[in-house]
């Protein structure tokens, strides 16, 4: 009797459960945007330019030509200079967008 009770409780537990299956996809899922794609608008780019050329970035030194370096080369520069300029998160994004847009291609 005990054996029958054990079998009745374990056999259903081993049975493969069926779940919903997608057999025909009607649309293609959207691809996520790469992290390097800038979502900055023209106003953010202009604000970044102002911060870089006449704002906080020029309090200690003159503004360097942005196209002297590639976007990849700008990363460590921005990483070290943004805290020194005490930029908030919005200003950080604006300056980064401006620099990335105008950086040397390559």
C-alpha atoms as a PDB file:
ATOM      1  CA  UNK A   1       0.000   0.000   0.000  1.00  0.00           C
ATOM      2  CA  UNK A   2       2.825   2.364   0.816  1.00  0.00           C
ATOM      3  CA  UNK A   3       4.492   1.426  -2.448  1.00  0.00           C
ATOM      4  CA  UNK A   4       1.337   2.335  -4.363  1.00  0.00           C
ATOM      5  CA  UNK A   5       1.162   5.723  -2.628  1.00  0.00           C
ATOM      6  CA  UNK A   6       4.813   6.462  -3.452  1.00  0.00           C
ATOM      7  CA  UNK A   7       4.335   5.508  -7.089  1.00  0.00           C
ATOM      8  CA  UNK A   8       1.211   7.637  -7.411  1.00  0.00           C
ATOM      9  CA  UNK A   9       3.043  10.713  -6.123  1.00  0.00           C
ATOM     10  CA  UNK A  10       6.338  10.290  -7.989  1.00  0.00           C
ATOM     11  CA  UNK A  11       5.131   9.245 -11.437  1.00  0.00           C
ATOM     12  CA  UNK A  12       3.182  12.486 -12.077  1.00  0.00           C
ATOM     13  CA  UNK A  13       6.188  14.477 -10.827  1.00  0.00           C
ATOM     14  CA  UNK A  14       8.381  12.891 -13.507  1.00  0.00           C
ATOM     15  CA  UNK A  15       5.909  13.555 -16.294  1.00  0.00           C
ATOM     16  CA  UNK A  16       7.056  16.176 -18.805  1.00  0.00           C
ATOM     17  CA  UNK A  17       4.939  19.260 -18.426  1.00  0.00           C
ATOM     18  CA  UNK A  18       3.908  21.068 -21.525  1.00  0.00           C
ATOM     19  CA  UNK A  19       4.110  24.827 -21.651  1.00  0.00           C
ATOM     20  CA  UNK A  20       3.203  27.436 -24.205  1.00  0.00           C
ATOM     21  CA  UNK A  21       5.311  27.267 -27.321  1.00  0.00           C
ATOM     22  CA  UNK A  22       5.791  29.906 -29.975  1.00  0.00           C
ATOM     23  CA  UNK A  23       5.359  28.157 -33.278  1.00  0.00           C
ATOM     24  CA  UNK A  24       5.148  31.137 -35.587  1.00  0.00           C
ATOM     25  CA  UNK A  25       6.606  34.562 -34.894  1.00  0.00           C
ATOM     26  CA  UNK A  26       4.604  37.390 -36.405  1.00  0.00           C
ATOM     27  CA  UNK A  27       7.097  40.173 -35.806  1.00  0.00           C
ATOM     28  CA  UNK A  28      10.821  40.539 -35.351  1.00  0.00           C
ATOM     29  CA  UNK A  29      11.833  41.746 -31.889  1.00  0.00           C
ATOM     30  CA  UNK A  30      13.511  45.131 -31.791  1.00  0.00           C
ATOM     31  CA  UNK A  31      17.277  45.045 -31.457  1.00  0.00           C
ATOM     32  CA  UNK A  32      18.655  46.936 -28.488  1.00  0.00           C
ATOM     33  CA  UNK A  33      20.575  50.076 -29.329  1.00  0.00           C
ATOM     34  CA  UNK A  34      24.335  49.849 -28.846  1.00  0.00           C
ATOM     35  CA  UNK A  35      25.715  51.623 -25.807  1.00  0.00           C
ATOM     36  CA  UNK A  36      27.775  53.906 -28.026  1.00  0.00           C
ATOM     37  CA  UNK A  37      24.723  55.312 -29.778  1.00  0.00           C
ATOM     38  CA  UNK A  38      24.199  58.834 -28.540  1.00  0.00           C
ATOM     39  CA  UNK A  39      20.700  59.789 -27.543  1.00  0.00           C
ATOM     40  CA  UNK A  40      21.701  63.432 -27.119  1.00  0.00           C
ATOM     41  CA  UNK A  41      19.694  66.025 -28.976  1.00  0.00           C
ATOM     42  CA  UNK A  42      20.881  69.244 -30.548  1.00  0.00           C
ATOM     43  CA  UNK A  43      20.206  71.185 -27.336  1.00  0.00           C
ATOM     44  CA  UNK A  44      22.391  68.798 -25.319  1.00  0.00           C
ATOM     45  CA  UNK A  45      25.182  69.008 -27.901  1.00  0.00           C
ATOM     46  CA  UNK A  46      25.039  72.817 -27.815  1.00  0.00           C
ATOM     47  CA  UNK A  47      25.048  72.817 -24.010  1.00  0.00           C
ATOM     48  CA  UNK A  48      28.054  70.484 -24.059  1.00  0.00           C
ATOM     49  CA  UNK A  49      29.844  72.842 -26.435  1.00  0.00           C
ATOM     50  CA  UNK A  50      29.171  75.806 -24.135  1.00  0.00           C
ATOM     51  CA  UNK A  51      30.432  73.919 -21.082  1.00  0.00           C
ATOM     52  CA  UNK A  52      33.525  72.788 -22.985  1.00  0.00           C
ATOM     53  CA  UNK A  53      34.427  76.060 -24.742  1.00  0.00           C
ATOM     54  CA  UNK A  54      33.357  78.849 -22.380  1.00  0.00           C
ATOM     55  CA  UNK A  55      32.146  77.125 -19.238  1.00  0.00           C
ATOM     56  CA  UNK A  56      33.757  74.945 -16.650  1.00  0.00           C
ATOM     57  CA  UNK A  57      36.312  73.269 -18.903  1.00  0.00           C
ATOM     58  CA  UNK A  58      38.144  76.510 -19.646  1.00  0.00           C
ATOM     59  CA  UNK A  59      38.499  77.765 -16.079  1.00  0.00           C
ATOM     60  CA  UNK A  60      41.880  76.036 -15.716  1.00  0.00           C
ATOM     61  CA  UNK A  61      43.106  75.779 -19.320  1.00  0.00           C
ATOM     62  CA  UNK A  62      42.192  76.752 -22.850  1.00  0.00           C
ATOM     63  CA  UNK A  63      39.823  74.553 -24.803  1.00  0.00           C
ATOM     64  CA  UNK A  64      41.744  72.053 -26.894  1.00  0.00           C
ATOM     65  CA  UNK A  65      40.524  71.237 -30.414  1.00  0.00           C
ATOM     66  CA  UNK A  66      38.113  68.341 -29.900  1.00  0.00           C
ATOM     67  CA  UNK A  67      39.133  66.669 -33.140  1.00  0.00           C
ATOM     68  CA  UNK A  68      42.724  66.230 -31.936  1.00  0.00           C
ATOM     69  CA  UNK A  69      41.626  62.910 -30.376  1.00  0.00           C
ATOM     70  CA  UNK A  70      39.273  60.072 -31.237  1.00  0.00           C
ATOM     71  CA  UNK A  71      36.239  59.283 -29.073  1.00  0.00           C
ATOM     72  CA  UNK A  72      38.171  56.325 -27.646  1.00  0.00           C
ATOM     73  CA  UNK A  73      41.119  58.570 -26.750  1.00  0.00           C
ATOM     74  CA  UNK A  74      38.748  61.048 -25.105  1.00  0.00           C
ATOM     75  CA  UNK A  75      37.451  58.462 -22.609  1.00  0.00           C
ATOM     76  CA  UNK A  76      40.387  58.645 -20.148  1.00  0.00           C
ATOM     77  CA  UNK A  77      40.659  62.407 -20.630  1.00  0.00           C
ATOM     78  CA  UNK A  78      37.000  62.924 -19.744  1.00  0.00           C
ATOM     79  CA  UNK A  79      37.254  60.441 -16.890  1.00  0.00           C
ATOM     80  CA  UNK A  80      39.994  62.504 -15.264  1.00  0.00           C
ATOM     81  CA  UNK A  81      38.767  66.000 -16.148  1.00  0.00           C
ATOM     82  CA  UNK A  82      35.031  65.769 -15.406  1.00  0.00           C
ATOM     83  CA  UNK A  83      35.536  65.393 -11.635  1.00  0.00           C
ATOM     84  CA  UNK A  84      38.036  68.286 -11.643  1.00  0.00           C
ATOM     85  CA  UNK A  85      35.495  70.495 -13.415  1.00  0.00           C
ATOM     86  CA  UNK A  86      32.824  69.360 -10.925  1.00  0.00           C
ATOM     87  CA  UNK A  87      30.281  68.578 -13.630  1.00  0.00           C
ATOM     88  CA  UNK A  88      26.953  67.101 -12.575  1.00  0.00           C
ATOM     89  CA  UNK A  89      25.525  64.061 -14.366  1.00  0.00           C
ATOM     90  CA  UNK A  90      23.648  66.133 -16.957  1.00  0.00           C
ATOM     91  CA  UNK A  91      26.689  68.282 -17.744  1.00  0.00           C
ATOM     92  CA  UNK A  92      28.822  65.130 -17.921  1.00  0.00           C
ATOM     93  CA  UNK A  93      26.454  63.648 -20.513  1.00  0.00           C
ATOM     94  CA  UNK A  94      26.313  66.896 -22.501  1.00  0.00           C
ATOM     95  CA  UNK A  95      30.089  67.365 -22.666  1.00  0.00           C
ATOM     96  CA  UNK A  96      30.590  63.700 -23.513  1.00  0.00           C
ATOM     97  CA  UNK A  97      28.005  63.920 -26.310  1.00  0.00           C
ATOM     98  CA  UNK A  98      29.641  67.063 -27.702  1.00  0.00           C
ATOM     99  CA  UNK A  99      33.127  65.587 -27.601  1.00  0.00           C
ATOM    100  CA  UNK A 100      32.051  62.263 -29.116  1.00  0.00           C
ATOM    101  CA  UNK A 101      30.206  63.999 -31.941  1.00  0.00           C
ATOM    102  CA  UNK A 102      33.189  66.176 -32.881  1.00  0.00           C
ATOM    103  CA  UNK A 103      36.044  63.789 -32.088  1.00  0.00           C
ATOM    104  CA  UNK A 104      38.440  62.722 -34.818  1.00  0.00           C
ATOM    105  CA  UNK A 105      37.080  59.776 -36.755  1.00  0.00           C
ATOM    106  CA  UNK A 106      39.208  56.702 -36.803  1.00  0.00           C
END
